Amino acid sequence: MSLRFVAKDPETDGANCPTVWVDDENQEIVLQGWKADEETRTACLRTGPIPDTEAVVRLPLRMAAAVREACDAADGTAVR
């Protein structure tokens, strides 16, 4: 697996914080975020089941630019 680091949450201490990577080999975006609370999970379940192999995580909105950068990197539209 080839993970390319994109960004960590800029408003945290740099450890144990939301992070975004791109897996170039599998063409996937990898996210580390806070585990969703039960209220969030319940709201998400209204859309459909969450398989045991998946999870709902939360990222702060301030990480939107990092997620956009990861999307551009994953689909090859990033300017290098």
PDB file of N, CA and C in Angstrom:
ATOM      1  N   MET A   1       0.846  -1.173   0.000  1.00  0.00           N
ATOM      2  CA  MET A   1       0.000   0.000   0.000  1.00  0.00           C
ATOM      3  C   MET A   1       0.892   1.237   0.000  1.00  0.00           C
ATOM      4  N   SER A   2       0.529   2.189  -0.811  1.00  0.00           N
ATOM      5  CA  SER A   2       1.304   3.418  -0.928  1.00  0.00           C
ATOM      6  C   SER A   2       0.435   4.592  -0.502  1.00  0.00           C
ATOM      7  N   LEU A   3       0.515   4.959   0.780  1.00  0.00           N
ATOM      8  CA  LEU A   3      -0.263   6.098   1.263  1.00  0.00           C
ATOM      9  C   LEU A   3       0.537   7.380   1.126  1.00  0.00           C
ATOM     10  N   ARG A   4      -0.131   8.369   0.533  1.00  0.00           N
ATOM     11  CA  ARG A   4       0.487   9.692   0.410  1.00  0.00           C
ATOM     12  C   ARG A   4      -0.224  10.634   1.379  1.00  0.00           C
ATOM     13  N   PHE A   5       0.513  11.166   2.327  1.00  0.00           N
ATOM     14  CA  PHE A   5      -0.040  12.092   3.311  1.00  0.00           C
ATOM     15  C   PHE A   5      -0.487  13.367   2.621  1.00  0.00           C
ATOM     16  N   VAL A   6      -1.689  13.854   2.983  1.00  0.00           N
ATOM     17  CA  VAL A   6      -2.183  15.119   2.451  1.00  0.00           C
ATOM     18  C   VAL A   6      -2.166  16.185   3.546  1.00  0.00           C
ATOM     19  N   ALA A   7      -2.838  15.927   4.669  1.00  0.00           N
ATOM     20  CA  ALA A   7      -2.893  16.951   5.721  1.00  0.00           C
ATOM     21  C   ALA A   7      -3.443  16.389   7.019  1.00  0.00           C
ATOM     22  N   LYS A   8      -3.054  17.040   8.113  1.00  0.00           N
ATOM     23  CA  LYS A   8      -3.659  16.815   9.424  1.00  0.00           C
ATOM     24  C   LYS A   8      -4.484  18.045   9.765  1.00  0.00           C
ATOM     25  N   ASP A   9      -5.425  17.866  10.671  1.00  0.00           N
ATOM     26  CA  ASP A   9      -6.234  18.980  11.140  1.00  0.00           C
ATOM     27  C   ASP A   9      -5.303  20.073  11.665  1.00  0.00           C
ATOM     28  N   PRO A  10      -5.334  21.261  11.068  1.00  0.00           N
ATOM     29  CA  PRO A  10      -4.397  22.311  11.451  1.00  0.00           C
ATOM     30  C   PRO A  10      -4.657  22.897  12.835  1.00  0.00           C
ATOM     31  N   GLU A  11      -5.796  22.605  13.422  1.00  0.00           N
ATOM     32  CA  GLU A  11      -6.107  23.187  14.723  1.00  0.00           C
ATOM     33  C   GLU A  11      -5.958  22.193  15.872  1.00  0.00           C
ATOM     34  N   THR A  12      -5.232  21.109  15.649  1.00  0.00           N
ATOM     35  CA  THR A  12      -4.981  20.161  16.722  1.00  0.00           C
ATOM     36  C   THR A  12      -3.495  20.133  17.030  1.00  0.00           C
ATOM     37  N   ASP A  13      -3.118  19.307  17.987  1.00  0.00           N
ATOM     38  CA  ASP A  13      -1.730  19.283  18.445  1.00  0.00           C
ATOM     39  C   ASP A  13      -0.774  18.511  17.539  1.00  0.00           C
ATOM     40  N   GLY A  14      -1.269  17.975  16.443  1.00  0.00           N
ATOM     41  CA  GLY A  14      -0.409  17.242  15.509  1.00  0.00           C
ATOM     42  C   GLY A  14      -0.338  15.757  15.783  1.00  0.00           C
ATOM     43  N   ALA A  15      -0.902  15.321  16.884  1.00  0.00           N
ATOM     44  CA  ALA A  15      -0.951  13.900  17.216  1.00  0.00           C
ATOM     45  C   ALA A  15      -2.403  13.511  17.469  1.00  0.00           C
ATOM     46  N   ASN A  16      -2.748  12.300  17.091  1.00  0.00           N
ATOM     47  CA  ASN A  16      -4.104  11.804  17.359  1.00  0.00           C
ATOM     48  C   ASN A  16      -5.180  12.740  16.817  1.00  0.00           C
ATOM     49  N   CYS A  17      -4.997  13.223  15.599  1.00  0.00           N
ATOM     50  CA  CYS A  17      -5.965  14.166  15.053  1.00  0.00           C
ATOM     51  C   CYS A  17      -6.448  13.700  13.685  1.00  0.00           C
ATOM     52  N   PRO A  18      -7.584  14.246  13.222  1.00  0.00           N
ATOM     53  CA  PRO A  18      -8.061  13.903  11.893  1.00  0.00           C
ATOM     54  C   PRO A  18      -6.979  14.105  10.839  1.00  0.00           C
ATOM     55  N   THR A  19      -6.881  13.140   9.936  1.00  0.00           N
ATOM     56  CA  THR A  19      -5.829  13.133   8.922  1.00  0.00           C
ATOM     57  C   THR A  19      -6.407  12.640   7.605  1.00  0.00           C
ATOM     58  N   VAL A  20      -5.841  13.115   6.506  1.00  0.00           N
ATOM     59  CA  VAL A  20      -6.260  12.704   5.170  1.00  0.00           C
ATOM     60  C   VAL A  20      -5.041  12.203   4.396  1.00  0.00           C
ATOM     61  N   TRP A  21      -5.186  11.047   3.750  1.00  0.00           N
ATOM     62  CA  TRP A  21      -4.164  10.472   2.870  1.00  0.00           C
ATOM     63  C   TRP A  21      -4.809  10.089   1.551  1.00  0.00           C
ATOM     64  N   VAL A  22      -3.988   9.811   0.553  1.00  0.00           N
ATOM     65  CA  VAL A  22      -4.433   9.223  -0.714  1.00  0.00           C
ATOM     66  C   VAL A  22      -3.657   7.926  -0.902  1.00  0.00           C
ATOM     67  N   ASP A  23      -4.367   6.862  -1.213  1.00  0.00           N
ATOM     68  CA  ASP A  23      -3.751   5.578  -1.556  1.00  0.00           C
ATOM     69  C   ASP A  23      -3.653   5.552  -3.071  1.00  0.00           C
ATOM     70  N   ASP A  24      -2.474   5.860  -3.596  1.00  0.00           N
ATOM     71  CA  ASP A  24      -2.283   5.952  -5.047  1.00  0.00           C
ATOM     72  C   ASP A  24      -2.480   4.607  -5.732  1.00  0.00           C
ATOM     73  N   GLU A  25      -2.072   3.545  -5.079  1.00  0.00           N
ATOM     74  CA  GLU A  25      -2.171   2.211  -5.676  1.00  0.00           C
ATOM     75  C   GLU A  25      -3.625   1.788  -5.884  1.00  0.00           C
ATOM     76  N   ASN A  26      -4.454   2.017  -4.865  1.00  0.00           N
ATOM     77  CA  ASN A  26      -5.869   1.604  -4.941  1.00  0.00           C
ATOM     78  C   ASN A  26      -6.793   2.726  -5.374  1.00  0.00           C
ATOM     79  N   GLN A  27      -6.233   3.902  -5.606  1.00  0.00           N
ATOM     80  CA  GLN A  27      -7.005   5.086  -5.992  1.00  0.00           C
ATOM     81  C   GLN A  27      -8.154   5.324  -5.016  1.00  0.00           C
ATOM     82  N   GLU A  28      -7.774   5.457  -3.728  1.00  0.00           N
ATOM     83  CA  GLU A  28      -8.748   5.693  -2.670  1.00  0.00           C
ATOM     84  C   GLU A  28      -8.285   6.836  -1.779  1.00  0.00           C
ATOM     85  N   ILE A  29      -9.240   7.481  -1.149  1.00  0.00           N
ATOM     86  CA  ILE A  29      -8.958   8.495  -0.145  1.00  0.00           C
ATOM     87  C   ILE A  29      -9.108   7.822   1.210  1.00  0.00           C
ATOM     88  N   VAL A  30      -8.144   8.022   2.079  1.00  0.00           N
ATOM     89  CA  VAL A  30      -8.155   7.408   3.412  1.00  0.00           C
ATOM     90  C   VAL A  30      -8.308   8.525   4.435  1.00  0.00           C
ATOM     91  N   LEU A  31      -9.285   8.371   5.324  1.00  0.00           N
ATOM     92  CA  LEU A  31      -9.584   9.402   6.312  1.00  0.00           C
ATOM     93  C   LEU A  31      -9.470   8.854   7.724  1.00  0.00           C
ATOM     94  N   GLN A  32      -8.878   9.628   8.591  1.00  0.00           N
ATOM     95  CA  GLN A  32      -8.907   9.348  10.025  1.00  0.00           C
ATOM     96  C   GLN A  32      -9.692  10.487  10.646  1.00  0.00           C
ATOM     97  N   GLY A  33     -10.711  10.139  11.403  1.00  0.00           N
ATOM     98  CA  GLY A  33     -11.512  11.174  12.039  1.00  0.00           C
ATOM     99  C   GLY A  33     -12.039  10.684  13.369  1.00  0.00           C
ATOM    100  N   TRP A  34     -12.864  11.499  13.977  1.00  0.00           N
ATOM    101  CA  TRP A  34     -13.462  11.124  15.251  1.00  0.00           C
ATOM    102  C   TRP A  34     -14.594  10.139  15.001  1.00  0.00           C
ATOM    103  N   LYS A  35     -14.699   9.129  15.849  1.00  0.00           N
ATOM    104  CA  LYS A  35     -15.797   8.183  15.740  1.00  0.00           C
ATOM    105  C   LYS A  35     -17.111   8.931  15.907  1.00  0.00           C
ATOM    106  N   ALA A  36     -18.062   8.598  15.072  1.00  0.00           N
ATOM    107  CA  ALA A  36     -19.364   9.239  15.145  1.00  0.00           C
ATOM    108  C   ALA A  36     -20.086   8.802  16.412  1.00  0.00           C
ATOM    109  N   ASP A  37     -20.791   9.727  17.029  1.00  0.00           N
ATOM    110  CA  ASP A  37     -21.583   9.398  18.211  1.00  0.00           C
ATOM    111  C   ASP A  37     -22.876   8.690  17.783  1.00  0.00           C
ATOM    112  N   GLU A  38     -23.598   8.186  18.733  1.00  0.00           N
ATOM    113  CA  GLU A  38     -24.811   7.415  18.421  1.00  0.00           C
ATOM    114  C   GLU A  38     -25.852   8.251  17.680  1.00  0.00           C
ATOM    115  N   GLU A  39     -25.977   9.519  18.031  1.00  0.00           N
ATOM    116  CA  GLU A  39     -26.941  10.376  17.342  1.00  0.00           C
ATOM    117  C   GLU A  39     -26.604  10.489  15.855  1.00  0.00           C
ATOM    118  N   THR A  40     -25.327  10.652  15.559  1.00  0.00           N
ATOM    119  CA  THR A  40     -24.886  10.746  14.160  1.00  0.00           C
ATOM    120  C   THR A  40     -25.103   9.418  13.441  1.00  0.00           C
ATOM    121  N   ARG A  41     -24.701   8.311  14.094  1.00  0.00           N
ATOM    122  CA  ARG A  41     -24.899   6.982  13.483  1.00  0.00           C
ATOM    123  C   ARG A  41     -26.382   6.736  13.193  1.00  0.00           C
ATOM    124  N   THR A  42     -27.234   7.083  14.136  1.00  0.00           N
ATOM    125  CA  THR A  42     -28.673   6.879  13.955  1.00  0.00           C
ATOM    126  C   THR A  42     -29.185   7.689  12.764  1.00  0.00           C
ATOM    127  N   ALA A  43     -28.732   8.930  12.659  1.00  0.00           N
ATOM    128  CA  ALA A  43     -29.140   9.764  11.525  1.00  0.00           C
ATOM    129  C   ALA A  43     -28.653   9.166  10.207  1.00  0.00           C
ATOM    130  N   CYS A  44     -27.425   8.656  10.200  1.00  0.00           N
ATOM    131  CA  CYS A  44     -26.878   8.049   8.980  1.00  0.00           C
ATOM    132  C   CYS A  44     -27.625   6.771   8.615  1.00  0.00           C
ATOM    133  N   LEU A  45     -28.077   6.035   9.596  1.00  0.00           N
ATOM    134  CA  LEU A  45     -28.791   4.779   9.334  1.00  0.00           C
ATOM    135  C   LEU A  45     -30.129   5.007   8.641  1.00  0.00           C
ATOM    136  N   ARG A  46     -30.643   6.211   8.685  1.00  0.00           N
ATOM    137  CA  ARG A  46     -31.895   6.515   7.957  1.00  0.00           C
ATOM    138  C   ARG A  46     -31.705   6.362   6.458  1.00  0.00           C
ATOM    139  N   THR A  47     -30.472   6.492   5.998  1.00  0.00           N
ATOM    140  CA  THR A  47     -30.160   6.351   4.578  1.00  0.00           C
ATOM    141  C   THR A  47     -29.971   4.895   4.187  1.00  0.00           C
ATOM    142  N   GLY A  48     -29.576   4.063   5.153  1.00  0.00           N
ATOM    143  CA  GLY A  48     -29.350   2.647   4.884  1.00  0.00           C
ATOM    144  C   GLY A  48     -28.419   2.067   5.933  1.00  0.00           C
ATOM    145  N   PRO A  49     -28.231   0.746   5.891  1.00  0.00           N
ATOM    146  CA  PRO A  49     -27.398   0.098   6.906  1.00  0.00           C
ATOM    147  C   PRO A  49     -25.918   0.454   6.749  1.00  0.00           C
ATOM    148  N   ILE A  50     -25.193   0.336   7.847  1.00  0.00           N
ATOM    149  CA  ILE A  50     -23.745   0.522   7.847  1.00  0.00           C
ATOM    150  C   ILE A  50     -23.140  -0.855   8.102  1.00  0.00           C
ATOM    151  N   PRO A  51     -22.507  -1.461   7.095  1.00  0.00           N
ATOM    152  CA  PRO A  51     -21.933  -2.790   7.276  1.00  0.00           C
ATOM    153  C   PRO A  51     -20.848  -2.795   8.352  1.00  0.00           C
ATOM    154  N   ASP A  52     -20.600  -3.948   8.930  1.00  0.00           N
ATOM    155  CA  ASP A  52     -19.563  -4.086   9.949  1.00  0.00           C
ATOM    156  C   ASP A  52     -18.183  -3.713   9.421  1.00  0.00           C
ATOM    157  N   THR A  53     -17.990  -3.766   8.116  1.00  0.00           N
ATOM    158  CA  THR A  53     -16.691  -3.439   7.521  1.00  0.00           C
ATOM    159  C   THR A  53     -16.531  -1.946   7.242  1.00  0.00           C
ATOM    160  N   GLU A  54     -17.527  -1.145   7.613  1.00  0.00           N
ATOM    161  CA  GLU A  54     -17.476   0.294   7.367  1.00  0.00           C
ATOM    162  C   GLU A  54     -17.722   1.052   8.662  1.00  0.00           C
ATOM    163  N   ALA A  55     -17.373   2.334   8.665  1.00  0.00           N
ATOM    164  CA  ALA A  55     -17.565   3.170   9.842  1.00  0.00           C
ATOM    165  C   ALA A  55     -17.951   4.576   9.416  1.00  0.00           C
ATOM    166  N   VAL A  56     -18.626   5.270  10.286  1.00  0.00           N
ATOM    167  CA  VAL A  56     -18.930   6.673  10.084  1.00  0.00           C
ATOM    168  C   VAL A  56     -17.939   7.458  10.938  1.00  0.00           C
ATOM    169  N   VAL A  57     -17.219   8.370  10.304  1.00  0.00           N
ATOM    170  CA  VAL A  57     -16.282   9.222  11.034  1.00  0.00           C
ATOM    171  C   VAL A  57     -16.646  10.672  10.770  1.00  0.00           C
ATOM    172  N   ARG A  58     -16.211  11.530  11.673  1.00  0.00           N
ATOM    173  CA  ARG A  58     -16.482  12.957  11.528  1.00  0.00           C
ATOM    174  C   ARG A  58     -15.164  13.695  11.333  1.00  0.00           C
ATOM    175  N   LEU A  59     -15.169  14.651  10.401  1.00  0.00           N
ATOM    176  CA  LEU A  59     -14.025  15.535  10.186  1.00  0.00           C
ATOM    177  C   LEU A  59     -14.511  16.968  10.375  1.00  0.00           C
ATOM    178  N   PRO A  60     -13.689  17.830  10.936  1.00  0.00           N
ATOM    179  CA  PRO A  60     -14.103  19.224  11.054  1.00  0.00           C
ATOM    180  C   PRO A  60     -14.155  19.878   9.668  1.00  0.00           C
ATOM    181  N   LEU A  61     -15.081  20.787   9.496  1.00  0.00           N
ATOM    182  CA  LEU A  61     -15.246  21.472   8.214  1.00  0.00           C
ATOM    183  C   LEU A  61     -13.966  22.177   7.787  1.00  0.00           C
ATOM    184  N   ARG A  62     -13.130  22.567   8.748  1.00  0.00           N
ATOM    185  CA  ARG A  62     -11.874  23.242   8.393  1.00  0.00           C
ATOM    186  C   ARG A  62     -10.946  22.333   7.591  1.00  0.00           C
ATOM    187  N   MET A  63     -11.267  21.035   7.499  1.00  0.00           N
ATOM    188  CA  MET A  63     -10.452  20.108   6.714  1.00  0.00           C
ATOM    189  C   MET A  63     -10.979  19.944   5.286  1.00  0.00           C
ATOM    190  N   ALA A  64     -11.980  20.720   4.910  1.00  0.00           N
ATOM    191  CA  ALA A  64     -12.559  20.615   3.565  1.00  0.00           C
ATOM    192  C   ALA A  64     -11.501  20.799   2.476  1.00  0.00           C
ATOM    193  N   ALA A  65     -10.597  21.748   2.667  1.00  0.00           N
ATOM    194  CA  ALA A  65      -9.553  21.971   1.659  1.00  0.00           C
ATOM    195  C   ALA A  65      -8.660  20.746   1.516  1.00  0.00           C
ATOM    196  N   ALA A  66      -8.366  20.077   2.623  1.00  0.00           N
ATOM    197  CA  ALA A  66      -7.531  18.864   2.569  1.00  0.00           C
ATOM    198  C   ALA A  66      -8.266  17.743   1.852  1.00  0.00           C
ATOM    199  N   VAL A  67      -9.566  17.623   2.091  1.00  0.00           N
ATOM    200  CA  VAL A  67     -10.352  16.591   1.405  1.00  0.00           C
ATOM    201  C   VAL A  67     -10.413  16.895  -0.093  1.00  0.00           C
ATOM    202  N   ARG A  68     -10.595  18.171  -0.458  1.00  0.00           N
ATOM    203  CA  ARG A  68     -10.583  18.549  -1.887  1.00  0.00           C
ATOM    204  C   ARG A  68      -9.235  18.222  -2.527  1.00  0.00           C
ATOM    205  N   GLU A  69      -8.152  18.527  -1.817  1.00  0.00           N
ATOM    206  CA  GLU A  69      -6.816  18.231  -2.328  1.00  0.00           C
ATOM    207  C   GLU A  69      -6.642  16.726  -2.537  1.00  0.00           C
ATOM    208  N   ALA A  70      -7.135  15.943  -1.582  1.00  0.00           N
ATOM    209  CA  ALA A  70      -7.047  14.488  -1.715  1.00  0.00           C
ATOM    210  C   ALA A  70      -7.875  13.998  -2.900  1.00  0.00           C
ATOM    211  N   CYS A  71      -9.052  14.566  -3.096  1.00  0.00           N
ATOM    212  CA  CYS A  71      -9.889  14.184  -4.238  1.00  0.00           C
ATOM    213  C   CYS A  71      -9.175  14.492  -5.549  1.00  0.00           C
ATOM    214  N   ASP A  72      -8.597  15.683  -5.645  1.00  0.00           N
ATOM    215  CA  ASP A  72      -7.867  16.055  -6.859  1.00  0.00           C
ATOM    216  C   ASP A  72      -6.661  15.145  -7.081  1.00  0.00           C
ATOM    217  N   ALA A  73      -5.972  14.800  -6.006  1.00  0.00           N
ATOM    218  CA  ALA A  73      -4.803  13.912  -6.129  1.00  0.00           C
ATOM    219  C   ALA A  73      -5.244  12.517  -6.550  1.00  0.00           C
ATOM    220  N   ALA A  74      -6.346  12.052  -5.981  1.00  0.00           N
ATOM    221  CA  ALA A  74      -6.809  10.682  -6.277  1.00  0.00           C
ATOM    222  C   ALA A  74      -7.290  10.549  -7.713  1.00  0.00           C
ATOM    223  N   ASP A  75      -7.940  11.592  -8.240  1.00  0.00           N
ATOM    224  CA  ASP A  75      -8.447  11.444  -9.615  1.00  0.00           C
ATOM    225  C   ASP A  75      -7.496  11.988 -10.665  1.00  0.00           C
ATOM    226  N   GLY A  76      -6.325  12.445 -10.217  1.00  0.00           N
ATOM    227  CA  GLY A  76      -5.304  12.865 -11.163  1.00  0.00           C
ATOM    228  C   GLY A  76      -5.434  14.284 -11.674  1.00  0.00           C
ATOM    229  N   THR A  77      -6.345  15.081 -11.088  1.00  0.00           N
ATOM    230  CA  THR A  77      -6.508  16.451 -11.581  1.00  0.00           C
ATOM    231  C   THR A  77      -5.677  17.463 -10.805  1.00  0.00           C
ATOM    232  N   ALA A  78      -4.935  16.980  -9.799  1.00  0.00           N
ATOM    233  CA  ALA A  78      -4.110  17.891  -9.000  1.00  0.00           C
ATOM    234  C   ALA A  78      -2.996  18.481  -9.860  1.00  0.00           C
ATOM    235  N   VAL A  79      -2.718  19.738  -9.654  1.00  0.00           N
ATOM    236  CA  VAL A  79      -1.622  20.404 -10.345  1.00  0.00           C
ATOM    237  C   VAL A  79      -0.350  20.110  -9.559  1.00  0.00           C
ATOM    238  N   ARG A  80       0.652  19.592 -10.246  1.00  0.00           N
ATOM    239  CA  ARG A  80       1.895  19.261  -9.551  1.00  0.00           C
ATOM    240  C   ARG A  80       3.011  20.128 -10.016  1.00  0.00           C
TER     241      ARG A  80
END
